[in-house]
Amino acid sequence: MLAACTNNKTTGSFIPLQADKTKAVIYIYRPSVSANILYIPDLYINDEYRLPINNSNNYYLALTPGNYSFRLKHKKFSETDSVETMLLAGSVYFLRVDSHLELKQSAKYQPYHRKFTLSIIDGLLARQQISECCIKSQHTLDDTNIIKENSRASPGFSIEKTQNPFSH
């Protein structure tokens, strides 16, 4: 009973930033789910690489109004999911990334069927979900800072990222 008292999770409320009159704002978030937690799909906007979508994160993008195609892609999965939508100036949109993991019944070994899906979510539900999962890890991008696919940092160890502990 005492353990339950120490396990109280407090979350703040998520209040989205409003778009100015010349931009459209879209929040892209991936709720905390243990299925596929180690897999990070890449987000492409209009067939241009933008960023990796990590578990328990939300991303704020301020984009020029217009038609957009949002697509998820992962190098190990052949299946991709996409959403096309028209973004209007001064509006706020929410796009959720869901992770799915299924087992296939078969007499022979079958690997897990993994996939990521995109969904446009109502603002009230999205604010509640972002408050519960990923209010502390928000990343901001706009249509001027596009990350190029070949410029991503490698996840390996690098001596340049370390410091001598005796140098102070």
N, C-alpha and C. Protein backbone atom coordinates (compact mmCIF):
# COMPACT_ATOMS: atom_id res chain seq x y z
N MET A 1 0.82 -1.18 0.00
CA MET A 1 0.00 0.00 0.00
C MET A 1 0.88 1.26 0.00
N LEU A 2 1.99 1.23 0.71
CA LEU A 2 2.88 2.39 0.73
C LEU A 2 3.53 2.63 -0.63
N ALA A 3 3.79 1.55 -1.36
CA ALA A 3 4.39 1.70 -2.69
C ALA A 3 3.47 2.49 -3.61
N ALA A 4 2.18 2.32 -3.46
CA ALA A 4 1.23 3.06 -4.30
C ALA A 4 1.30 4.55 -4.01
N CYS A 5 1.61 4.92 -2.80
CA CYS A 5 1.70 6.35 -2.45
C CYS A 5 2.90 7.02 -3.10
N THR A 6 3.97 6.27 -3.33
CA THR A 6 5.16 6.85 -3.93
C THR A 6 5.11 6.85 -5.44
N ASN A 7 4.13 6.19 -6.01
CA ASN A 7 4.05 6.05 -7.46
C ASN A 7 2.98 6.98 -8.04
N ASN A 8 2.94 8.20 -7.57
CA ASN A 8 1.97 9.14 -8.13
C ASN A 8 2.63 9.95 -9.24
N LYS A 9 2.10 9.79 -10.42
CA LYS A 9 2.67 10.45 -11.60
C LYS A 9 1.96 11.79 -11.80
N THR A 10 2.70 12.85 -11.74
CA THR A 10 2.10 14.15 -11.96
C THR A 10 2.52 14.67 -13.32
N THR A 11 1.56 15.10 -14.08
CA THR A 11 1.85 15.67 -15.38
C THR A 11 1.24 17.05 -15.44
N GLY A 12 1.88 17.91 -16.16
CA GLY A 12 1.32 19.23 -16.37
C GLY A 12 0.34 19.19 -17.52
N SER A 13 -0.32 20.28 -17.73
CA SER A 13 -1.23 20.31 -18.88
C SER A 13 -0.48 20.90 -20.06
N PHE A 14 -0.74 20.35 -21.22
CA PHE A 14 -0.08 20.77 -22.44
C PHE A 14 -0.91 21.87 -23.08
N ILE A 15 -0.31 23.01 -23.33
CA ILE A 15 -0.98 24.12 -24.00
C ILE A 15 -0.22 24.39 -25.29
N PRO A 16 -0.85 24.10 -26.43
CA PRO A 16 -0.14 24.29 -27.70
C PRO A 16 0.07 25.77 -28.01
N LEU A 17 1.19 26.05 -28.67
CA LEU A 17 1.45 27.41 -29.12
C LEU A 17 0.56 27.73 -30.30
N GLN A 18 0.07 28.91 -30.36
CA GLN A 18 -0.79 29.32 -31.47
C GLN A 18 0.07 29.73 -32.66
N ALA A 19 -0.46 29.49 -33.82
CA ALA A 19 0.25 29.85 -35.05
C ALA A 19 0.03 31.33 -35.35
N ASP A 20 1.04 31.98 -35.91
CA ASP A 20 0.80 33.34 -36.37
C ASP A 20 0.00 33.27 -37.68
N LYS A 21 -0.40 34.41 -38.17
CA LYS A 21 -1.32 34.45 -39.32
C LYS A 21 -0.69 33.98 -40.63
N THR A 22 0.64 33.86 -40.67
CA THR A 22 1.29 33.47 -41.92
C THR A 22 1.77 32.02 -41.93
N LYS A 23 1.63 31.32 -40.81
CA LYS A 23 2.13 29.94 -40.69
C LYS A 23 1.00 29.01 -40.23
N ALA A 24 1.21 27.74 -40.47
CA ALA A 24 0.37 26.68 -39.91
C ALA A 24 1.25 25.89 -38.96
N VAL A 25 0.69 25.50 -37.83
CA VAL A 25 1.45 24.75 -36.83
C VAL A 25 0.94 23.32 -36.81
N ILE A 26 1.87 22.37 -36.79
CA ILE A 26 1.50 20.97 -36.64
C ILE A 26 2.37 20.35 -35.57
N TYR A 27 1.72 19.70 -34.62
CA TYR A 27 2.41 18.94 -33.59
C TYR A 27 2.40 17.48 -34.02
N ILE A 28 3.57 16.86 -34.01
CA ILE A 28 3.68 15.44 -34.32
C ILE A 28 4.20 14.79 -33.04
N TYR A 29 3.45 13.81 -32.55
CA TYR A 29 3.84 13.18 -31.29
C TYR A 29 3.73 11.66 -31.37
N ARG A 30 4.58 11.01 -30.57
CA ARG A 30 4.58 9.55 -30.49
C ARG A 30 4.43 9.17 -29.02
N PRO A 31 3.24 8.68 -28.63
CA PRO A 31 3.02 8.32 -27.23
C PRO A 31 3.95 7.20 -26.77
N SER A 32 4.10 7.10 -25.45
CA SER A 32 4.92 6.04 -24.85
C SER A 32 4.25 4.70 -25.02
N VAL A 33 4.85 3.83 -25.81
CA VAL A 33 4.37 2.47 -26.01
C VAL A 33 5.60 1.59 -26.04
N SER A 34 5.52 0.45 -25.35
CA SER A 34 6.70 -0.42 -25.32
C SER A 34 6.90 -1.20 -26.61
N ALA A 35 5.84 -1.38 -27.40
CA ALA A 35 5.98 -2.07 -28.69
C ALA A 35 6.83 -1.21 -29.62
N ASN A 36 7.87 -1.78 -30.16
CA ASN A 36 8.77 -1.10 -31.11
C ASN A 36 9.49 0.09 -30.50
N ILE A 37 9.71 0.08 -29.21
CA ILE A 37 10.32 1.23 -28.54
C ILE A 37 11.72 1.52 -29.06
N LEU A 38 12.44 0.49 -29.49
CA LEU A 38 13.80 0.68 -29.98
C LEU A 38 13.87 1.07 -31.45
N TYR A 39 12.75 1.02 -32.14
CA TYR A 39 12.72 1.38 -33.56
C TYR A 39 12.27 2.82 -33.69
N ILE A 40 12.98 3.57 -34.51
CA ILE A 40 12.70 4.99 -34.67
C ILE A 40 12.43 5.26 -36.15
N PRO A 41 11.17 5.51 -36.49
CA PRO A 41 10.86 5.79 -37.90
C PRO A 41 11.29 7.21 -38.26
N ASP A 42 11.56 7.41 -39.53
CA ASP A 42 11.92 8.73 -40.04
C ASP A 42 10.67 9.39 -40.62
N LEU A 43 10.56 10.69 -40.41
CA LEU A 43 9.44 11.46 -40.95
C LEU A 43 9.90 12.19 -42.20
N TYR A 44 9.14 12.02 -43.27
CA TYR A 44 9.37 12.74 -44.52
C TYR A 44 8.18 13.66 -44.74
N ILE A 45 8.46 14.90 -45.08
CA ILE A 45 7.41 15.85 -45.42
C ILE A 45 7.61 16.23 -46.88
N ASN A 46 6.59 15.96 -47.69
CA ASN A 46 6.68 16.17 -49.15
C ASN A 46 7.93 15.49 -49.72
N ASP A 47 8.14 14.25 -49.33
CA ASP A 47 9.26 13.41 -49.79
C ASP A 47 10.63 13.96 -49.44
N GLU A 48 10.71 14.81 -48.44
CA GLU A 48 11.98 15.35 -47.98
C GLU A 48 12.18 14.93 -46.53
N TYR A 49 13.33 14.33 -46.24
CA TYR A 49 13.60 13.87 -44.88
C TYR A 49 13.58 15.05 -43.91
N ARG A 50 12.92 14.87 -42.76
CA ARG A 50 12.87 15.92 -41.74
C ARG A 50 13.53 15.52 -40.44
N LEU A 51 13.06 14.42 -39.80
CA LEU A 51 13.58 14.07 -38.50
C LEU A 51 13.16 12.66 -38.10
N PRO A 52 13.90 12.07 -37.15
CA PRO A 52 13.48 10.79 -36.59
C PRO A 52 12.42 11.04 -35.50
N ILE A 53 11.43 10.16 -35.42
CA ILE A 53 10.36 10.30 -34.43
C ILE A 53 10.60 9.32 -33.30
N ASN A 54 11.11 9.82 -32.19
CA ASN A 54 11.42 8.99 -31.02
C ASN A 54 10.19 8.75 -30.17
N ASN A 55 10.22 7.65 -29.42
CA ASN A 55 9.17 7.32 -28.48
C ASN A 55 9.09 8.40 -27.39
N SER A 56 7.90 8.75 -26.96
CA SER A 56 7.65 9.72 -25.88
C SER A 56 8.14 11.13 -26.21
N ASN A 57 8.07 11.53 -27.46
CA ASN A 57 8.49 12.87 -27.87
C ASN A 57 7.38 13.55 -28.64
N ASN A 58 7.40 14.88 -28.61
CA ASN A 58 6.51 15.64 -29.50
C ASN A 58 7.33 16.69 -30.21
N TYR A 59 6.91 17.01 -31.40
CA TYR A 59 7.64 17.91 -32.28
C TYR A 59 6.70 19.01 -32.75
N TYR A 60 7.16 20.24 -32.67
CA TYR A 60 6.39 21.41 -33.08
C TYR A 60 6.98 21.90 -34.40
N LEU A 61 6.15 21.95 -35.44
CA LEU A 61 6.61 22.42 -36.73
C LEU A 61 5.74 23.60 -37.17
N ALA A 62 6.37 24.69 -37.53
CA ALA A 62 5.68 25.85 -38.10
C ALA A 62 5.96 25.82 -39.61
N LEU A 63 4.91 25.60 -40.40
CA LEU A 63 5.07 25.42 -41.84
C LEU A 63 4.28 26.46 -42.62
N THR A 64 4.73 26.71 -43.83
CA THR A 64 4.00 27.58 -44.73
C THR A 64 2.70 26.88 -45.11
N PRO A 65 1.57 27.57 -45.11
CA PRO A 65 0.30 26.93 -45.46
C PRO A 65 0.34 26.30 -46.86
N GLY A 66 -0.39 25.21 -47.02
CA GLY A 66 -0.44 24.52 -48.30
C GLY A 66 -0.72 23.04 -48.13
N ASN A 67 -0.64 22.30 -49.22
CA ASN A 67 -0.84 20.85 -49.21
C ASN A 67 0.45 20.16 -48.78
N TYR A 68 0.32 19.21 -47.87
CA TYR A 68 1.49 18.49 -47.36
C TYR A 68 1.22 17.00 -47.34
N SER A 69 2.28 16.25 -47.57
CA SER A 69 2.26 14.80 -47.44
C SER A 69 3.25 14.43 -46.35
N PHE A 70 2.77 13.79 -45.29
CA PHE A 70 3.60 13.33 -44.19
C PHE A 70 3.73 11.82 -44.32
N ARG A 71 4.97 11.31 -44.30
CA ARG A 71 5.19 9.88 -44.50
C ARG A 71 6.21 9.36 -43.51
N LEU A 72 5.93 8.20 -42.94
CA LEU A 72 6.87 7.52 -42.05
C LEU A 72 7.57 6.43 -42.82
N LYS A 73 8.85 6.27 -42.54
CA LYS A 73 9.64 5.26 -43.22
C LYS A 73 10.68 4.72 -42.24
N HIS A 74 10.93 3.43 -42.30
CA HIS A 74 11.97 2.82 -41.49
C HIS A 74 12.75 1.85 -42.37
N LYS A 75 14.05 1.85 -42.22
CA LYS A 75 14.89 1.06 -43.13
C LYS A 75 14.66 -0.45 -43.02
N LYS A 76 14.14 -0.94 -41.88
CA LYS A 76 13.90 -2.37 -41.73
C LYS A 76 12.49 -2.80 -42.11
N PHE A 77 11.58 -1.85 -42.27
CA PHE A 77 10.20 -2.18 -42.59
C PHE A 77 9.90 -1.75 -44.02
N SER A 78 9.28 -2.63 -44.78
CA SER A 78 8.94 -2.25 -46.16
C SER A 78 7.65 -1.44 -46.20
N GLU A 79 6.82 -1.59 -45.18
CA GLU A 79 5.54 -0.90 -45.15
C GLU A 79 5.72 0.53 -44.63
N THR A 80 5.15 1.49 -45.33
CA THR A 80 5.20 2.88 -44.89
C THR A 80 3.77 3.41 -44.78
N ASP A 81 3.57 4.40 -43.96
CA ASP A 81 2.26 5.00 -43.81
C ASP A 81 2.37 6.48 -44.11
N SER A 82 1.32 7.04 -44.71
CA SER A 82 1.37 8.46 -45.04
C SER A 82 -0.01 9.10 -44.83
N VAL A 83 0.02 10.40 -44.64
CA VAL A 83 -1.18 11.21 -44.49
C VAL A 83 -0.99 12.45 -45.35
N GLU A 84 -2.00 12.79 -46.10
CA GLU A 84 -1.97 14.03 -46.87
C GLU A 84 -3.03 14.96 -46.32
N THR A 85 -2.67 16.22 -46.16
CA THR A 85 -3.60 17.19 -45.61
C THR A 85 -3.28 18.59 -46.10
N MET A 86 -4.26 19.44 -46.02
CA MET A 86 -4.12 20.86 -46.37
C MET A 86 -3.96 21.64 -45.07
N LEU A 87 -2.86 22.34 -44.91
CA LEU A 87 -2.62 23.15 -43.72
C LEU A 87 -3.00 24.60 -44.01
N LEU A 88 -3.84 25.16 -43.16
CA LEU A 88 -4.31 26.53 -43.33
C LEU A 88 -3.56 27.47 -42.41
N ALA A 89 -3.33 28.68 -42.85
CA ALA A 89 -2.62 29.68 -42.06
C ALA A 89 -3.38 29.96 -40.77
N GLY A 90 -2.63 30.09 -39.67
CA GLY A 90 -3.22 30.41 -38.37
C GLY A 90 -3.86 29.22 -37.67
N SER A 91 -3.76 28.02 -38.22
CA SER A 91 -4.39 26.84 -37.63
C SER A 91 -3.35 25.94 -36.97
N VAL A 92 -3.82 25.13 -36.00
CA VAL A 92 -2.98 24.18 -35.29
C VAL A 92 -3.51 22.78 -35.56
N TYR A 93 -2.61 21.85 -35.92
CA TYR A 93 -2.97 20.47 -36.25
C TYR A 93 -2.15 19.52 -35.38
N PHE A 94 -2.67 18.30 -35.21
CA PHE A 94 -2.01 17.28 -34.40
C PHE A 94 -1.93 15.99 -35.20
N LEU A 95 -0.74 15.41 -35.25
CA LEU A 95 -0.51 14.18 -35.98
C LEU A 95 0.15 13.19 -35.00
N ARG A 96 -0.51 12.04 -34.79
CA ARG A 96 0.01 11.05 -33.84
C ARG A 96 0.66 9.89 -34.60
N VAL A 97 1.79 9.43 -34.08
CA VAL A 97 2.49 8.26 -34.62
C VAL A 97 2.21 7.10 -33.67
N ASP A 98 1.56 6.07 -34.20
CA ASP A 98 1.26 4.88 -33.41
C ASP A 98 2.16 3.74 -33.84
N SER A 99 2.49 2.88 -32.88
CA SER A 99 3.36 1.74 -33.12
C SER A 99 2.56 0.46 -32.95
N HIS A 100 2.73 -0.47 -33.89
CA HIS A 100 1.99 -1.73 -33.86
C HIS A 100 2.96 -2.90 -33.97
N LEU A 101 2.65 -3.95 -33.22
CA LEU A 101 3.45 -5.17 -33.23
C LEU A 101 2.49 -6.34 -33.22
N GLU A 102 2.56 -7.20 -34.24
CA GLU A 102 1.65 -8.34 -34.35
C GLU A 102 2.44 -9.62 -34.54
N LEU A 103 1.86 -10.70 -34.03
CA LEU A 103 2.41 -12.03 -34.24
C LEU A 103 1.58 -12.73 -35.30
N LYS A 104 2.21 -13.37 -36.23
CA LYS A 104 1.50 -14.12 -37.27
C LYS A 104 1.49 -15.60 -36.88
N GLN A 105 0.31 -16.23 -36.97
CA GLN A 105 0.18 -17.66 -36.69
C GLN A 105 0.63 -18.45 -37.91
N SER A 106 1.57 -19.35 -37.70
CA SER A 106 2.08 -20.14 -38.81
C SER A 106 2.80 -21.37 -38.28
N ALA A 107 2.85 -22.42 -39.10
CA ALA A 107 3.59 -23.63 -38.71
C ALA A 107 5.09 -23.37 -38.74
N LYS A 108 5.53 -22.46 -39.61
CA LYS A 108 6.94 -22.08 -39.70
C LYS A 108 7.17 -20.80 -38.92
N TYR A 109 8.43 -20.52 -38.66
CA TYR A 109 8.78 -19.27 -37.97
C TYR A 109 8.40 -18.08 -38.83
N GLN A 110 7.74 -17.14 -38.23
CA GLN A 110 7.41 -15.87 -38.89
C GLN A 110 7.91 -14.74 -37.99
N PRO A 111 8.62 -13.78 -38.55
CA PRO A 111 9.06 -12.65 -37.72
C PRO A 111 7.86 -11.79 -37.32
N TYR A 112 8.07 -10.99 -36.30
CA TYR A 112 7.03 -10.07 -35.88
C TYR A 112 6.67 -9.14 -37.04
N HIS A 113 5.41 -8.79 -37.12
CA HIS A 113 4.97 -7.81 -38.10
C HIS A 113 4.92 -6.46 -37.38
N ARG A 114 5.85 -5.57 -37.72
CA ARG A 114 5.94 -4.26 -37.06
C ARG A 114 5.56 -3.19 -38.05
N LYS A 115 4.86 -2.16 -37.55
CA LYS A 115 4.57 -1.02 -38.42
C LYS A 115 4.25 0.21 -37.57
N PHE A 116 4.38 1.34 -38.22
CA PHE A 116 4.03 2.63 -37.63
C PHE A 116 2.94 3.25 -38.48
N THR A 117 1.97 3.90 -37.83
CA THR A 117 0.89 4.55 -38.56
C THR A 117 0.78 6.01 -38.12
N LEU A 118 0.26 6.82 -39.02
CA LEU A 118 0.02 8.25 -38.77
C LEU A 118 -1.48 8.49 -38.72
N SER A 119 -1.91 9.35 -37.79
CA SER A 119 -3.32 9.70 -37.69
C SER A 119 -3.44 11.18 -37.35
N ILE A 120 -4.37 11.86 -38.01
CA ILE A 120 -4.70 13.23 -37.62
C ILE A 120 -5.66 13.14 -36.46
N ILE A 121 -5.34 13.82 -35.36
CA ILE A 121 -6.07 13.69 -34.11
C ILE A 121 -6.76 15.02 -33.76
N ASP A 122 -7.94 14.91 -33.18
CA ASP A 122 -8.68 16.07 -32.68
C ASP A 122 -7.85 16.78 -31.61
N GLY A 123 -7.92 18.10 -31.59
CA GLY A 123 -7.09 18.91 -30.70
C GLY A 123 -7.27 18.60 -29.22
N LEU A 124 -8.50 18.36 -28.77
CA LEU A 124 -8.76 18.09 -27.36
C LEU A 124 -8.12 16.77 -26.92
N LEU A 125 -8.31 15.73 -27.71
CA LEU A 125 -7.71 14.43 -27.41
C LEU A 125 -6.18 14.51 -27.50
N ALA A 126 -5.66 15.18 -28.49
CA ALA A 126 -4.21 15.29 -28.66
C ALA A 126 -3.57 16.02 -27.49
N ARG A 127 -4.17 17.09 -27.02
CA ARG A 127 -3.60 17.82 -25.87
C ARG A 127 -3.55 16.93 -24.63
N GLN A 128 -4.59 16.13 -24.43
CA GLN A 128 -4.61 15.22 -23.29
C GLN A 128 -3.52 14.16 -23.44
N GLN A 129 -3.37 13.58 -24.61
CA GLN A 129 -2.36 12.54 -24.83
C GLN A 129 -0.95 13.09 -24.72
N ILE A 130 -0.70 14.27 -25.25
CA ILE A 130 0.64 14.87 -25.15
C ILE A 130 0.96 15.19 -23.69
N SER A 131 -0.04 15.64 -22.91
CA SER A 131 0.16 15.92 -21.49
C SER A 131 0.57 14.66 -20.74
N GLU A 132 0.02 13.52 -21.14
CA GLU A 132 0.30 12.26 -20.45
C GLU A 132 1.63 11.63 -20.86
N CYS A 133 2.06 11.86 -22.10
CA CYS A 133 3.22 11.10 -22.58
C CYS A 133 4.48 11.92 -22.80
N CYS A 134 4.35 13.09 -23.33
CA CYS A 134 5.57 13.69 -23.87
C CYS A 134 5.60 15.21 -23.78
N ILE A 135 5.18 15.72 -22.65
CA ILE A 135 5.18 17.17 -22.47
C ILE A 135 6.60 17.71 -22.23
N LYS A 136 7.49 16.88 -21.68
CA LYS A 136 8.83 17.34 -21.33
C LYS A 136 9.81 17.29 -22.48
N SER A 137 9.47 16.59 -23.55
CA SER A 137 10.42 16.43 -24.65
C SER A 137 9.84 16.98 -25.94
N GLN A 138 9.85 18.30 -26.06
CA GLN A 138 9.33 18.95 -27.25
C GLN A 138 10.49 19.49 -28.07
N HIS A 139 10.42 19.29 -29.37
CA HIS A 139 11.44 19.75 -30.29
C HIS A 139 10.78 20.67 -31.31
N THR A 140 11.43 21.76 -31.65
CA THR A 140 10.86 22.76 -32.54
C THR A 140 11.60 22.79 -33.86
N LEU A 141 10.84 22.75 -34.95
CA LEU A 141 11.38 22.87 -36.30
C LEU A 141 10.47 23.79 -37.10
N ASP A 142 10.99 24.37 -38.15
CA ASP A 142 10.14 25.07 -39.10
C ASP A 142 10.60 24.69 -40.50
N ASP A 143 9.99 25.27 -41.52
CA ASP A 143 10.31 24.83 -42.87
C ASP A 143 11.66 25.34 -43.37
N THR A 144 12.43 26.02 -42.52
CA THR A 144 13.76 26.45 -42.94
C THR A 144 14.85 25.52 -42.43
N ASN A 145 14.59 24.78 -41.32
CA ASN A 145 15.65 23.88 -40.85
C ASN A 145 15.28 22.43 -41.13
N ILE A 146 15.59 22.03 -42.36
CA ILE A 146 15.39 20.66 -42.81
C ILE A 146 16.68 19.89 -42.54
N ILE A 147 16.55 18.75 -41.91
CA ILE A 147 17.70 17.92 -41.65
C ILE A 147 17.92 17.05 -42.88
N LYS A 148 19.10 17.08 -43.42
CA LYS A 148 19.40 16.25 -44.59
C LYS A 148 19.73 14.84 -44.14
N GLU A 149 19.31 13.85 -44.92
CA GLU A 149 19.44 12.45 -44.54
C GLU A 149 20.88 12.04 -44.29
N ASN A 150 21.81 12.49 -45.09
CA ASN A 150 23.19 12.07 -44.93
C ASN A 150 23.94 12.90 -43.89
N SER A 151 23.29 13.88 -43.26
CA SER A 151 23.99 14.70 -42.27
C SER A 151 23.64 14.30 -40.85
N ARG A 152 22.89 13.22 -40.68
CA ARG A 152 22.54 12.80 -39.33
C ARG A 152 23.78 12.27 -38.63
N ALA A 153 23.84 12.52 -37.34
CA ALA A 153 24.98 12.06 -36.54
C ALA A 153 24.93 10.56 -36.38
N SER A 154 26.09 9.93 -36.43
CA SER A 154 26.13 8.48 -36.23
C SER A 154 25.99 8.19 -34.74
N PRO A 155 25.31 7.10 -34.38
CA PRO A 155 25.09 6.81 -32.97
C PRO A 155 26.31 6.21 -32.27
N GLY A 156 27.41 6.01 -32.97
CA GLY A 156 28.59 5.37 -32.40
C GLY A 156 29.36 6.27 -31.44
N PHE A 157 30.33 5.68 -30.78
CA PHE A 157 31.17 6.40 -29.84
C PHE A 157 32.13 7.31 -30.59
N SER A 158 32.35 8.48 -30.04
CA SER A 158 33.28 9.41 -30.64
C SER A 158 34.11 10.06 -29.55
N ILE A 159 35.42 10.12 -29.72
CA ILE A 159 36.31 10.73 -28.74
C ILE A 159 36.08 12.24 -28.67
N GLU A 160 35.58 12.83 -29.75
CA GLU A 160 35.34 14.28 -29.77
C GLU A 160 34.22 14.68 -28.81
N LYS A 161 33.37 13.74 -28.44
CA LYS A 161 32.26 14.05 -27.55
C LYS A 161 32.61 13.87 -26.08
N THR A 162 33.83 13.49 -25.78
CA THR A 162 34.23 13.26 -24.40
C THR A 162 35.15 14.37 -23.91
N GLN A 163 35.27 14.45 -22.59
CA GLN A 163 36.16 15.43 -21.99
C GLN A 163 37.11 14.72 -21.05
N ASN A 164 38.26 15.30 -20.88
CA ASN A 164 39.21 14.78 -19.91
C ASN A 164 38.71 15.17 -18.53
N PRO A 165 38.44 14.21 -17.63
CA PRO A 165 37.92 14.56 -16.30
C PRO A 165 38.94 15.29 -15.43
N PHE A 166 40.22 15.25 -15.79
CA PHE A 166 41.28 15.89 -14.99
C PHE A 166 41.69 17.25 -15.54
N SER A 167 40.98 17.73 -16.56
CA SER A 167 41.38 18.97 -17.20
C SER A 167 40.89 20.22 -16.48
N HIS A 168 40.08 20.08 -15.47
CA HIS A 168 39.52 21.26 -14.78
C HIS A 168 40.40 21.72 -13.65
